All heavy atoms as atom14 arrays in JSON, in Angstrom:
{
  "sequence": "TTIMAGFFPVFYGTLSKDHLSKADSQFWFNVTLLAASLV",
  "atom14_mask": [
    [1, 1, 1, 1, 1, 1, 1, 0, 0, 0, 0, 0, 0, 0],
    [1, 1, 1, 1, 1, 1, 1, 0, 0, 0, 0, 0, 0, 0],
    [1, 1, 1, 1, 1, 1, 1, 1, 0, 0, 0, 0, 0, 0],
    [1, 1, 1, 1, 1, 1, 1, 1, 0, 0, 0, 0, 0, 0],
    [1, 1, 1, 1, 1, 0, 0, 0, 0, 0, 0, 0, 0, 0],
    [1, 1, 1, 1, 0, 0, 0, 0, 0, 0, 0, 0, 0, 0],
    [1, 1, 1, 1, 1, 1, 1, 1, 1, 1, 1, 0, 0, 0],
    [1, 1, 1, 1, 1, 1, 1, 1, 1, 1, 1, 0, 0, 0],
    [1, 1, 1, 1, 1, 1, 1, 0, 0, 0, 0, 0, 0, 0],
    [1, 1, 1, 1, 1, 1, 1, 0, 0, 0, 0, 0, 0, 0],
    [1, 1, 1, 1, 1, 1, 1, 1, 1, 1, 1, 0, 0, 0],
    [1, 1, 1, 1, 1, 1, 1, 1, 1, 1, 1, 1, 0, 0],
    [1, 1, 1, 1, 0, 0, 0, 0, 0, 0, 0, 0, 0, 0],
    [1, 1, 1, 1, 1, 1, 1, 0, 0, 0, 0, 0, 0, 0],
    [1, 1, 1, 1, 1, 1, 1, 1, 0, 0, 0, 0, 0, 0],
    [1, 1, 1, 1, 1, 1, 0, 0, 0, 0, 0, 0, 0, 0],
    [1, 1, 1, 1, 1, 1, 1, 1, 1, 0, 0, 0, 0, 0],
    [1, 1, 1, 1, 1, 1, 1, 1, 0, 0, 0, 0, 0, 0],
    [1, 1, 1, 1, 1, 1, 1, 1, 1, 1, 0, 0, 0, 0],
    [1, 1, 1, 1, 1, 1, 1, 1, 0, 0, 0, 0, 0, 0],
    [1, 1, 1, 1, 1, 1, 0, 0, 0, 0, 0, 0, 0, 0],
    [1, 1, 1, 1, 1, 1, 1, 1, 1, 0, 0, 0, 0, 0],
    [1, 1, 1, 1, 1, 0, 0, 0, 0, 0, 0, 0, 0, 0],
    [1, 1, 1, 1, 1, 1, 1, 1, 0, 0, 0, 0, 0, 0],
    [1, 1, 1, 1, 1, 1, 0, 0, 0, 0, 0, 0, 0, 0],
    [1, 1, 1, 1, 1, 1, 1, 1, 1, 0, 0, 0, 0, 0],
    [1, 1, 1, 1, 1, 1, 1, 1, 1, 1, 1, 0, 0, 0],
    [1, 1, 1, 1, 1, 1, 1, 1, 1, 1, 1, 1, 1, 1],
    [1, 1, 1, 1, 1, 1, 1, 1, 1, 1, 1, 0, 0, 0],
    [1, 1, 1, 1, 1, 1, 1, 1, 0, 0, 0, 0, 0, 0],
    [1, 1, 1, 1, 1, 1, 1, 0, 0, 0, 0, 0, 0, 0],
    [1, 1, 1, 1, 1, 1, 1, 0, 0, 0, 0, 0, 0, 0],
    [1, 1, 1, 1, 1, 1, 1, 1, 0, 0, 0, 0, 0, 0],
    [1, 1, 1, 1, 1, 1, 1, 1, 0, 0, 0, 0, 0, 0],
    [1, 1, 1, 1, 1, 0, 0, 0, 0, 0, 0, 0, 0, 0],
    [1, 1, 1, 1, 1, 0, 0, 0, 0, 0, 0, 0, 0, 0],
    [1, 1, 1, 1, 1, 1, 0, 0, 0, 0, 0, 0, 0, 0],
    [1, 1, 1, 1, 1, 1, 1, 1, 0, 0, 0, 0, 0, 0],
    [1, 1, 1, 1, 1, 1, 1, 0, 0, 0, 0, 0, 0, 0]
  ],
  "atom14_positions": [
    [[169.6, 132.75, -82.53], [169.88, 134.12, -83.05], [168.65, 134.76, -83.74], [168.59, 135.98, -83.8], [171.0, 134.08, -84.05], [170.71, 133.2, -85.17], [172.26, 133.58, -83.43], [0.0, 0.0, 0.0], [0.0, 0.0, 0.0], [0.0, 0.0, 0.0], [0.0, 0.0, 0.0], [0.0, 0.0, 0.0], [0.0, 0.0, 0.0], [0.0, 0.0, 0.0]],
    [[167.67, 133.96, -84.16], [166.54, 134.55, -84.9], [165.28, 134.38, -84.05], [164.66, 135.4, -83.77], [166.37, 133.8, -86.21], [167.55, 133.93, -86.96], [165.21, 134.47, -87.03], [0.0, 0.0, 0.0], [0.0, 0.0, 0.0], [0.0, 0.0, 0.0], [0.0, 0.0, 0.0], [0.0, 0.0, 0.0], [0.0, 0.0, 0.0], [0.0, 0.0, 0.0]],
    [[164.83, 133.17, -83.74], [163.58, 132.98, -83.02], [163.67, 133.64, -81.66], [162.75, 134.44, -81.28], [163.24, 131.49, -82.9], [163.12, 130.81, -84.25], [161.92, 131.29, -82.11], [162.01, 131.35, -85.14], [0.0, 0.0, 0.0], [0.0, 0.0, 0.0], [0.0, 0.0, 0.0], [0.0, 0.0, 0.0], [0.0, 0.0, 0.0], [0.0, 0.0, 0.0]],
    [[164.59, 133.28, -80.86], [164.67, 133.76, -79.41], [165.04, 135.21, -79.35], [164.45, 135.87, -78.58], [165.75, 132.83, -78.62], [165.28, 131.41, -78.52], [166.57, 130.45, -77.73], [166.59, 131.17, -76.12], [0.0, 0.0, 0.0], [0.0, 0.0, 0.0], [0.0, 0.0, 0.0], [0.0, 0.0, 0.0], [0.0, 0.0, 0.0], [0.0, 0.0, 0.0]],
    [[166.09, 135.67, -80.13], [166.6, 136.94, -79.9], [165.86, 138.05, -80.73], [165.73, 139.2, -80.25], [168.09, 137.03, -80.21], [0.0, 0.0, 0.0], [0.0, 0.0, 0.0], [0.0, 0.0, 0.0], [0.0, 0.0, 0.0], [0.0, 0.0, 0.0], [0.0, 0.0, 0.0], [0.0, 0.0, 0.0], [0.0, 0.0, 0.0], [0.0, 0.0, 0.0]],
    [[165.36, 137.64, -81.86], [164.73, 138.7, -82.72], [163.35, 138.56, -83.11], [162.48, 139.36, -82.83], [0.0, 0.0, 0.0], [0.0, 0.0, 0.0], [0.0, 0.0, 0.0], [0.0, 0.0, 0.0], [0.0, 0.0, 0.0], [0.0, 0.0, 0.0], [0.0, 0.0, 0.0], [0.0, 0.0, 0.0], [0.0, 0.0, 0.0], [0.0, 0.0, 0.0]],
    [[162.95, 137.37, -83.69], [161.65, 137.25, -84.27], [160.53, 137.1, -83.3], [159.53, 137.87, -83.32], [161.62, 135.99, -85.14], [160.28, 135.53, -85.59], [159.56, 136.29, -86.61], [159.65, 134.38, -85.02], [158.32, 135.9, -86.97], [158.39, 134.04, -85.4], [157.68, 134.75, -86.41], [0.0, 0.0, 0.0], [0.0, 0.0, 0.0], [0.0, 0.0, 0.0]],
    [[160.62, 136.16, -82.29], [159.39, 135.91, -81.46], [159.01, 137.05, -80.56], [157.79, 137.33, -80.53], [159.66, 134.65, -80.63], [158.38, 134.25, -79.94], [157.37, 133.58, -80.61], [158.17, 134.57, -78.54], [156.2, 133.29, -80.01], [156.99, 134.24, -77.98], [155.96, 133.57, -78.65], [0.0, 0.0, 0.0], [0.0, 0.0, 0.0], [0.0, 0.0, 0.0]],
    [[159.94, 137.84, -79.97], [159.44, 138.91, -79.11], [158.59, 139.94, -79.93], [157.53, 140.37, -79.44], [160.76, 139.6, -78.62], [161.73, 138.41, -78.57], [161.4, 137.63, -79.76], [0.0, 0.0, 0.0], [0.0, 0.0, 0.0], [0.0, 0.0, 0.0], [0.0, 0.0, 0.0], [0.0, 0.0, 0.0], [0.0, 0.0, 0.0], [0.0, 0.0, 0.0]],
    [[158.96, 140.16, -81.15], [158.23, 141.03, -82.05], [156.93, 140.47, -82.49], [155.86, 141.04, -82.43], [159.11, 141.52, -83.28], [158.28, 142.41, -84.22], [160.32, 142.25, -82.81], [0.0, 0.0, 0.0], [0.0, 0.0, 0.0], [0.0, 0.0, 0.0], [0.0, 0.0, 0.0], [0.0, 0.0, 0.0], [0.0, 0.0, 0.0], [0.0, 0.0, 0.0]],
    [[157.05, 139.19, -82.85], [155.88, 138.39, -83.29], [154.79, 138.34, -82.16], [153.63, 138.56, -82.4], [156.3, 137.04, -83.73], [155.18, 136.19, -84.22], [154.4, 136.52, -85.32], [154.81, 134.95, -83.6], [153.35, 135.72, -85.79], [153.86, 134.07, -83.97], [153.14, 134.45, -85.08], [0.0, 0.0, 0.0], [0.0, 0.0, 0.0], [0.0, 0.0, 0.0]],
    [[155.32, 138.02, -80.99], [154.37, 137.91, -79.84], [153.7, 139.25, -79.57], [152.52, 139.36, -79.25], [155.13, 137.4, -78.64], [154.3, 137.4, -77.37], [153.17, 136.65, -77.17], [154.63, 138.29, -76.3], [152.41, 136.71, -76.02], [153.95, 138.29, -75.15], [152.8, 137.51, -75.05], [152.07, 137.48, -73.85], [0.0, 0.0, 0.0], [0.0, 0.0, 0.0]],
    [[154.41, 140.34, -79.67], [153.86, 141.68, -79.44], [152.74, 142.0, -80.44], [151.67, 142.57, -80.1], [0.0, 0.0, 0.0], [0.0, 0.0, 0.0], [0.0, 0.0, 0.0], [0.0, 0.0, 0.0], [0.0, 0.0, 0.0], [0.0, 0.0, 0.0], [0.0, 0.0, 0.0], [0.0, 0.0, 0.0], [0.0, 0.0, 0.0], [0.0, 0.0, 0.0]],
    [[152.87, 141.48, -81.67], [151.87, 141.65, -82.66], [150.65, 140.84, -82.35], [149.5, 141.26, -82.57], [152.37, 141.24, -84.04], [153.46, 142.06, -84.37], [151.29, 141.48, -85.13], [0.0, 0.0, 0.0], [0.0, 0.0, 0.0], [0.0, 0.0, 0.0], [0.0, 0.0, 0.0], [0.0, 0.0, 0.0], [0.0, 0.0, 0.0], [0.0, 0.0, 0.0]],
    [[150.86, 139.59, -81.91], [149.73, 138.68, -81.53], [148.93, 139.3, -80.39], [147.65, 139.09, -80.36], [150.23, 137.38, -81.19], [150.91, 136.54, -82.27], [151.45, 135.21, -81.66], [149.94, 136.22, -83.4], [0.0, 0.0, 0.0], [0.0, 0.0, 0.0], [0.0, 0.0, 0.0], [0.0, 0.0, 0.0], [0.0, 0.0, 0.0], [0.0, 0.0, 0.0]],
    [[149.56, 139.87, -79.42], [148.84, 140.15, -78.14], [148.51, 141.66, -78.0], [147.81, 142.03, -77.07], [149.71, 139.79, -76.96], [150.96, 140.53, -77.01], [0.0, 0.0, 0.0], [0.0, 0.0, 0.0], [0.0, 0.0, 0.0], [0.0, 0.0, 0.0], [0.0, 0.0, 0.0], [0.0, 0.0, 0.0], [0.0, 0.0, 0.0], [0.0, 0.0, 0.0]],
    [[148.96, 142.49, -78.86], [148.78, 143.93, -78.64], [147.39, 144.36, -78.58], [146.99, 145.34, -77.83], [149.53, 144.77, -79.75], [148.86, 144.58, -81.14], [149.65, 145.5, -82.14], [149.08, 145.4, -83.57], [149.78, 146.26, -84.49], [0.0, 0.0, 0.0], [0.0, 0.0, 0.0], [0.0, 0.0, 0.0], [0.0, 0.0, 0.0], [0.0, 0.0, 0.0]],
    [[146.41, 143.79, -79.28], [144.99, 144.2, -79.23], [144.09, 143.28, -78.29], [142.94, 143.5, -78.23], [144.42, 144.1, -80.67], [145.05, 145.1, -81.57], [145.42, 146.21, -81.19], [145.14, 144.78, -82.8], [0.0, 0.0, 0.0], [0.0, 0.0, 0.0], [0.0, 0.0, 0.0], [0.0, 0.0, 0.0], [0.0, 0.0, 0.0], [0.0, 0.0, 0.0]],
    [[144.79, 142.43, -77.59], [144.09, 141.46, -76.73], [144.56, 141.45, -75.27], [143.82, 141.01, -74.42], [144.14, 140.08, -77.35], [143.71, 139.99, -78.72], [142.39, 139.79, -79.01], [144.33, 140.1, -79.96], [142.21, 139.76, -80.35], [143.45, 139.98, -80.9], [0.0, 0.0, 0.0], [0.0, 0.0, 0.0], [0.0, 0.0, 0.0], [0.0, 0.0, 0.0]],
    [[145.74, 141.93, -75.07], [146.31, 141.96, -73.72], [146.9, 143.33, -73.42], [147.46, 143.95, -74.36], [147.4, 140.89, -73.5], [146.95, 139.43, -73.58], [148.19, 138.56, -73.47], [146.01, 139.11, -72.38], [0.0, 0.0, 0.0], [0.0, 0.0, 0.0], [0.0, 0.0, 0.0], [0.0, 0.0, 0.0], [0.0, 0.0, 0.0], [0.0, 0.0, 0.0]],
    [[146.89, 143.75, -72.17], [147.53, 144.96, -71.81], [149.11, 144.71, -71.91], [149.5, 143.51, -71.88], [147.2, 145.42, -70.43], [147.69, 144.47, -69.42], [0.0, 0.0, 0.0], [0.0, 0.0, 0.0], [0.0, 0.0, 0.0], [0.0, 0.0, 0.0], [0.0, 0.0, 0.0], [0.0, 0.0, 0.0], [0.0, 0.0, 0.0], [0.0, 0.0, 0.0]],
    [[149.87, 145.73, -71.87], [151.31, 145.54, -71.96], [151.78, 144.77, -70.69], [152.69, 143.9, -70.88], [152.05, 146.92, -72.0], [153.53, 146.88, -72.26], [154.08, 148.24, -72.42], [155.62, 148.1, -72.68], [156.22, 149.45, -72.88], [0.0, 0.0, 0.0], [0.0, 0.0, 0.0], [0.0, 0.0, 0.0], [0.0, 0.0, 0.0], [0.0, 0.0, 0.0]],
    [[151.23, 145.04, -69.63], [151.66, 144.32, -68.39], [151.28, 142.86, -68.46], [152.11, 141.98, -68.07], [151.04, 145.03, -67.17], [0.0, 0.0, 0.0], [0.0, 0.0, 0.0], [0.0, 0.0, 0.0], [0.0, 0.0, 0.0], [0.0, 0.0, 0.0], [0.0, 0.0, 0.0], [0.0, 0.0, 0.0], [0.0, 0.0, 0.0], [0.0, 0.0, 0.0]],
    [[150.05, 142.6, -68.84], [149.61, 141.16, -68.91], [150.42, 140.42, -70.03], [150.8, 139.25, -69.85], [148.13, 141.13, -69.28], [147.27, 141.52, -68.15], [147.74, 141.44, -66.94], [146.12, 141.81, -68.35], [0.0, 0.0, 0.0], [0.0, 0.0, 0.0], [0.0, 0.0, 0.0], [0.0, 0.0, 0.0], [0.0, 0.0, 0.0], [0.0, 0.0, 0.0]],
    [[150.8, 141.14, -71.08], [151.49, 140.48, -72.26], [152.81, 140.05, -71.68], [153.34, 138.97, -71.94], [151.65, 141.45, -73.36], [152.46, 140.91, -74.34], [0.0, 0.0, 0.0], [0.0, 0.0, 0.0], [0.0, 0.0, 0.0], [0.0, 0.0, 0.0], [0.0, 0.0, 0.0], [0.0, 0.0, 0.0], [0.0, 0.0, 0.0], [0.0, 0.0, 0.0]],
    [[153.49, 141.0, -70.99], [154.87, 140.65, -70.37], [154.75, 139.51, -69.34], [155.61, 138.76, -69.28], [155.44, 141.94, -69.75], [156.86, 141.77, -69.36], [157.83, 141.52, -70.46], [157.85, 142.15, -71.54], [158.64, 140.45, -70.33], [0.0, 0.0, 0.0], [0.0, 0.0, 0.0], [0.0, 0.0, 0.0], [0.0, 0.0, 0.0], [0.0, 0.0, 0.0]],
    [[153.68, 139.62, -68.6], [153.51, 138.66, -67.5], [153.44, 137.22, -68.08], [154.15, 136.27, -67.61], [152.23, 138.94, -66.68], [151.81, 137.78, -65.79], [152.51, 137.64, -64.58], [150.79, 136.86, -66.11], [152.15, 136.6, -63.7], [150.48, 135.83, -65.31], [151.15, 135.69, -64.01], [0.0, 0.0, 0.0], [0.0, 0.0, 0.0], [0.0, 0.0, 0.0]],
    [[152.64, 137.03, -69.07], [152.43, 135.67, -69.73], [153.68, 135.22, -70.45], [153.99, 134.05, -70.54], [151.16, 135.67, -70.6], [149.92, 135.63, -69.83], [148.97, 136.64, -69.76], [149.48, 134.58, -68.94], [148.0, 136.27, -68.8], [148.26, 135.01, -68.36], [150.01, 133.3, -68.52], [147.5, 134.24, -67.45], [149.29, 132.58, -67.66], [148.06, 132.97, -67.12]],
    [[154.41, 136.18, -71.08], [155.73, 135.87, -71.7], [156.7, 135.41, -70.67], [157.4, 134.38, -70.88], [156.22, 137.1, -72.42], [157.46, 136.94, -73.18], [157.48, 136.16, -74.39], [158.7, 137.37, -72.76], [158.58, 135.92, -75.11], [159.81, 137.12, -73.47], [159.81, 136.43, -74.65], [0.0, 0.0, 0.0], [0.0, 0.0, 0.0], [0.0, 0.0, 0.0]],
    [[156.73, 136.09, -69.45], [157.7, 135.63, -68.44], [157.23, 134.21, -67.85], [158.12, 133.48, -67.53], [157.7, 136.67, -67.28], [158.33, 137.95, -67.8], [159.06, 138.02, -68.72], [158.07, 139.04, -66.99], [0.0, 0.0, 0.0], [0.0, 0.0, 0.0], [0.0, 0.0, 0.0], [0.0, 0.0, 0.0], [0.0, 0.0, 0.0], [0.0, 0.0, 0.0]],
    [[155.95, 134.04, -67.72], [155.49, 132.73, -67.24], [155.91, 131.6, -68.19], [156.34, 130.57, -67.74], [153.95, 132.7, -67.15], [153.43, 131.3, -66.91], [153.47, 133.59, -65.97], [0.0, 0.0, 0.0], [0.0, 0.0, 0.0], [0.0, 0.0, 0.0], [0.0, 0.0, 0.0], [0.0, 0.0, 0.0], [0.0, 0.0, 0.0], [0.0, 0.0, 0.0]],
    [[155.86, 131.87, -69.51], [156.23, 130.84, -70.49], [157.74, 130.59, -70.35], [158.14, 129.39, -70.37], [155.96, 131.39, -71.9], [154.49, 131.56, -72.01], [156.35, 130.32, -72.97], [0.0, 0.0, 0.0], [0.0, 0.0, 0.0], [0.0, 0.0, 0.0], [0.0, 0.0, 0.0], [0.0, 0.0, 0.0], [0.0, 0.0, 0.0], [0.0, 0.0, 0.0]],
    [[158.55, 131.63, -70.21], [159.96, 131.43, -70.05], [160.28, 130.68, -68.79], [161.17, 129.82, -68.76], [160.69, 132.8, -70.04], [160.63, 133.62, -71.33], [161.35, 134.96, -71.09], [161.35, 132.82, -72.43], [0.0, 0.0, 0.0], [0.0, 0.0, 0.0], [0.0, 0.0, 0.0], [0.0, 0.0, 0.0], [0.0, 0.0, 0.0], [0.0, 0.0, 0.0]],
    [[159.56, 131.01, -67.69], [159.78, 130.35, -66.45], [159.46, 128.85, -66.58], [160.24, 128.0, -66.11], [158.93, 130.97, -65.35], [158.98, 130.29, -63.94], [160.38, 130.32, -63.4], [158.0, 130.91, -63.04], [0.0, 0.0, 0.0], [0.0, 0.0, 0.0], [0.0, 0.0, 0.0], [0.0, 0.0, 0.0], [0.0, 0.0, 0.0], [0.0, 0.0, 0.0]],
    [[158.28, 128.53, -67.17], [157.94, 127.14, -67.31], [158.93, 126.38, -68.21], [159.25, 125.27, -67.79], [156.55, 127.13, -68.0], [0.0, 0.0, 0.0], [0.0, 0.0, 0.0], [0.0, 0.0, 0.0], [0.0, 0.0, 0.0], [0.0, 0.0, 0.0], [0.0, 0.0, 0.0], [0.0, 0.0, 0.0], [0.0, 0.0, 0.0], [0.0, 0.0, 0.0]],
    [[159.34, 126.98, -69.28], [160.33, 126.28, -70.1], [161.7, 126.05, -69.37], [162.29, 125.03, -69.41], [160.63, 127.08, -71.35], [0.0, 0.0, 0.0], [0.0, 0.0, 0.0], [0.0, 0.0, 0.0], [0.0, 0.0, 0.0], [0.0, 0.0, 0.0], [0.0, 0.0, 0.0], [0.0, 0.0, 0.0], [0.0, 0.0, 0.0], [0.0, 0.0, 0.0]],
    [[162.03, 127.11, -68.59], [163.32, 127.03, -67.76], [163.23, 125.95, -66.74], [164.23, 125.2, -66.45], [163.65, 128.39, -67.19], [163.83, 129.33, -68.13], [0.0, 0.0, 0.0], [0.0, 0.0, 0.0], [0.0, 0.0, 0.0], [0.0, 0.0, 0.0], [0.0, 0.0, 0.0], [0.0, 0.0, 0.0], [0.0, 0.0, 0.0], [0.0, 0.0, 0.0]],
    [[162.04, 125.81, -66.11], [161.87, 124.81, -65.04], [161.96, 123.39, -65.68], [162.57, 122.5, -65.06], [160.54, 124.99, -64.37], [160.45, 126.19, -63.41], [159.04, 126.36, -62.81], [161.48, 125.95, -62.29], [0.0, 0.0, 0.0], [0.0, 0.0, 0.0], [0.0, 0.0, 0.0], [0.0, 0.0, 0.0], [0.0, 0.0, 0.0], [0.0, 0.0, 0.0]],
    [[161.31, 123.22, -66.85], [161.38, 121.9, -67.52], [162.78, 121.56, -67.82], [163.2, 120.36, -67.62], [160.43, 121.92, -68.8], [160.67, 120.64, -69.53], [159.0, 122.05, -68.45], [0.0, 0.0, 0.0], [0.0, 0.0, 0.0], [0.0, 0.0, 0.0], [0.0, 0.0, 0.0], [0.0, 0.0, 0.0], [0.0, 0.0, 0.0], [0.0, 0.0, 0.0]]
  ]
}
C-alpha cells in the first residue's frame, strides 16, 4: 500500500528526472517490473 502503490513511483521520478528522459525513465521502470515478475 505504501512502497508499491504510492512512495516508490514518486521517489523514482525524483531520482531520475534530471538524468533520464521521461520515456527512458518509464522504460527502465518497466524493465525492473518485468525482471521481478519473471523471477
